[in-house]
Amino acid sequence: MNERPGFGDAEAKRIIKRAAEIDAEQGRQLDAPALREIATEAGISPLAVDRALQEHEATSLAPAPWRKRHPIIVTLAAIVAALALYALLRIFPN
């Protein structure tokens, strides 16, 4: 393979992200120390990795919004509301 002399920041992020996705598809998992080591080798500060890990944990532990957990109920409520409005408009046209 012919390798280019360098990659821009955006390209490098896309390539690393895709490589991680390929590994994940094969069932590979990394723990926090391995992530810190990889980040250090890539020139990313351990503090930045720790912050990213904290943010990831905070978002992965947060429950999904109610409407996303119960889309059928939200849809049914919208239909019932529309039917009720239609009925009211038929009963009281003006």
C-alpha atoms as a PDB file:
ATOM      1  CA  MET A   1       0.000   0.000   0.000  1.00  0.00           C
ATOM      2  CA  ASN A   2       1.263   3.475  -0.861  1.00  0.00           C
ATOM      3  CA  GLU A   3       1.170   5.575   2.291  1.00  0.00           C
ATOM      4  CA  ARG A   4       0.803   9.336   2.291  1.00  0.00           C
ATOM      5  CA  PRO A   5       3.310  11.365   4.278  1.00  0.00           C
ATOM      6  CA  GLY A   6       0.689  12.793   6.619  1.00  0.00           C
ATOM      7  CA  PHE A   7      -2.969  13.214   7.411  1.00  0.00           C
ATOM      8  CA  GLY A   8      -4.899  16.221   8.607  1.00  0.00           C
ATOM      9  CA  ASP A   9      -6.553  16.178  12.018  1.00  0.00           C
ATOM     10  CA  ALA A  10     -10.039  15.464  10.611  1.00  0.00           C
ATOM     11  CA  GLU A  11      -8.727  12.660   8.393  1.00  0.00           C
ATOM     12  CA  ALA A  12      -6.795  11.099  11.245  1.00  0.00           C
ATOM     13  CA  LYS A  13      -9.873  11.139  13.489  1.00  0.00           C
ATOM     14  CA  ARG A  14     -12.012   9.519  10.781  1.00  0.00           C
ATOM     15  CA  ILE A  15      -9.411   6.813  10.135  1.00  0.00           C
ATOM     16  CA  ILE A  16      -8.922   6.009  13.832  1.00  0.00           C
ATOM     17  CA  LYS A  17     -12.693   6.010  14.411  1.00  0.00           C
ATOM     18  CA  ARG A  18     -13.233   3.606  11.511  1.00  0.00           C
ATOM     19  CA  ALA A  19     -10.408   1.337  12.677  1.00  0.00           C
ATOM     20  CA  ALA A  20     -12.009   1.194  16.138  1.00  0.00           C
ATOM     21  CA  GLU A  21     -15.376   0.353  14.547  1.00  0.00           C
ATOM     22  CA  ILE A  22     -13.783  -2.499  12.588  1.00  0.00           C
ATOM     23  CA  ASP A  23     -12.235  -3.885  15.783  1.00  0.00           C
ATOM     24  CA  ALA A  24     -15.560  -3.522  17.635  1.00  0.00           C
ATOM     25  CA  GLU A  25     -17.359  -5.423  14.857  1.00  0.00           C
ATOM     26  CA  GLN A  26     -14.972  -8.289  15.540  1.00  0.00           C
ATOM     27  CA  GLY A  27     -15.843  -8.209  19.238  1.00  0.00           C
ATOM     28  CA  ARG A  28     -12.688  -6.513  20.489  1.00  0.00           C
ATOM     29  CA  GLN A  29     -13.109  -4.390  23.589  1.00  0.00           C
ATOM     30  CA  LEU A  30     -10.702  -2.058  25.355  1.00  0.00           C
ATOM     31  CA  ASP A  31     -10.594  -1.130  29.011  1.00  0.00           C
ATOM     32  CA  ALA A  32      -9.832   2.353  30.337  1.00  0.00           C
ATOM     33  CA  PRO A  33      -6.075   1.761  30.842  1.00  0.00           C
ATOM     34  CA  ALA A  34      -5.732   0.532  27.258  1.00  0.00           C
ATOM     35  CA  LEU A  35      -7.596   3.589  25.995  1.00  0.00           C
ATOM     36  CA  ARG A  36      -5.287   5.870  27.993  1.00  0.00           C
ATOM     37  CA  GLU A  37      -2.209   4.114  26.592  1.00  0.00           C
ATOM     38  CA  ILE A  38      -3.447   4.360  23.009  1.00  0.00           C
ATOM     39  CA  ALA A  39      -4.376   8.005  23.482  1.00  0.00           C
ATOM     40  CA  THR A  40      -0.941   8.797  24.917  1.00  0.00           C
ATOM     41  CA  GLU A  41       0.725   7.155  21.923  1.00  0.00           C
ATOM     42  CA  ALA A  42      -1.517   9.226  19.641  1.00  0.00           C
ATOM     43  CA  GLY A  43      -0.540  12.445  21.445  1.00  0.00           C
ATOM     44  CA  ILE A  44      -3.804  12.848  23.369  1.00  0.00           C
ATOM     45  CA  SER A  45      -3.473  13.883  26.992  1.00  0.00           C
ATOM     46  CA  PRO A  46      -4.569  11.422  29.701  1.00  0.00           C
ATOM     47  CA  LEU A  47      -6.705  14.226  31.189  1.00  0.00           C
ATOM     48  CA  ALA A  48      -8.625  14.519  27.927  1.00  0.00           C
ATOM     49  CA  VAL A  49      -9.189  10.752  27.877  1.00  0.00           C
ATOM     50  CA  ASP A  50     -10.381  10.801  31.494  1.00  0.00           C
ATOM     51  CA  ARG A  51     -12.825  13.608  30.701  1.00  0.00           C
ATOM     52  CA  ALA A  52     -14.084  11.761  27.618  1.00  0.00           C
ATOM     53  CA  LEU A  53     -14.541   8.598  29.703  1.00  0.00           C
ATOM     54  CA  GLN A  54     -16.502  10.549  32.337  1.00  0.00           C
ATOM     55  CA  GLU A  55     -18.717  12.121  29.679  1.00  0.00           C
ATOM     56  CA  HIS A  56     -19.276   8.719  28.065  1.00  0.00           C
ATOM     57  CA  GLU A  57     -20.255   7.138  31.370  1.00  0.00           C
ATOM     58  CA  ALA A  58     -22.593  10.027  32.197  1.00  0.00           C
ATOM     59  CA  THR A  59     -24.409   9.764  28.867  1.00  0.00           C
ATOM     60  CA  SER A  60     -24.518   5.963  28.758  1.00  0.00           C
ATOM     61  CA  LEU A  61     -26.010   5.794  32.267  1.00  0.00           C
ATOM     62  CA  ALA A  62     -28.611   8.486  31.650  1.00  0.00           C
ATOM     63  CA  PRO A  63     -32.002   7.036  30.778  1.00  0.00           C
ATOM     64  CA  ALA A  64     -33.402   7.771  27.346  1.00  0.00           C
ATOM     65  CA  PRO A  65     -36.102  10.428  27.213  1.00  0.00           C
ATOM     66  CA  TRP A  66     -39.566   9.066  27.943  1.00  0.00           C
ATOM     67  CA  ARG A  67     -40.818   9.684  24.398  1.00  0.00           C
ATOM     68  CA  LYS A  68     -37.958   7.598  22.981  1.00  0.00           C
ATOM     69  CA  ARG A  69     -38.608   4.707  25.366  1.00  0.00           C
ATOM     70  CA  HIS A  70     -42.342   4.656  24.597  1.00  0.00           C
ATOM     71  CA  PRO A  71     -42.853   5.765  20.978  1.00  0.00           C
ATOM     72  CA  ILE A  72     -46.080   3.775  20.542  1.00  0.00           C
ATOM     73  CA  ILE A  73     -47.719   5.479  23.524  1.00  0.00           C
ATOM     74  CA  VAL A  74     -46.679   8.898  22.229  1.00  0.00           C
ATOM     75  CA  THR A  75     -48.089   8.064  18.783  1.00  0.00           C
ATOM     76  CA  LEU A  76     -51.351   6.786  20.247  1.00  0.00           C
ATOM     77  CA  ALA A  77     -51.686   9.892  22.425  1.00  0.00           C
ATOM     78  CA  ALA A  78     -51.231  12.094  19.360  1.00  0.00           C
ATOM     79  CA  ILE A  79     -53.895  10.134  17.469  1.00  0.00           C
ATOM     80  CA  VAL A  80     -56.334  10.330  20.391  1.00  0.00           C
ATOM     81  CA  ALA A  81     -55.719  14.082  20.706  1.00  0.00           C
ATOM     82  CA  ALA A  82     -56.317  14.573  16.971  1.00  0.00           C
ATOM     83  CA  LEU A  83     -59.548  12.549  17.107  1.00  0.00           C
ATOM     84  CA  ALA A  84     -60.751  14.488  20.157  1.00  0.00           C
ATOM     85  CA  LEU A  85     -60.039  17.781  18.409  1.00  0.00           C
ATOM     86  CA  TYR A  86     -61.863  16.556  15.293  1.00  0.00           C
ATOM     87  CA  ALA A  87     -64.879  15.515  17.413  1.00  0.00           C
ATOM     88  CA  LEU A  88     -64.954  18.869  19.199  1.00  0.00           C
ATOM     89  CA  LEU A  89     -64.811  20.736  15.905  1.00  0.00           C
ATOM     90  CA  ARG A  90     -67.727  18.656  14.593  1.00  0.00           C
ATOM     91  CA  ILE A  91     -69.785  19.307  17.742  1.00  0.00           C
ATOM     92  CA  PHE A  92     -68.913  23.013  17.960  1.00  0.00           C
ATOM     93  CA  PRO A  93     -68.254  24.091  14.353  1.00  0.00           C
ATOM     94  CA  ASN A  94     -67.925  27.812  15.116  1.00  0.00           C
END
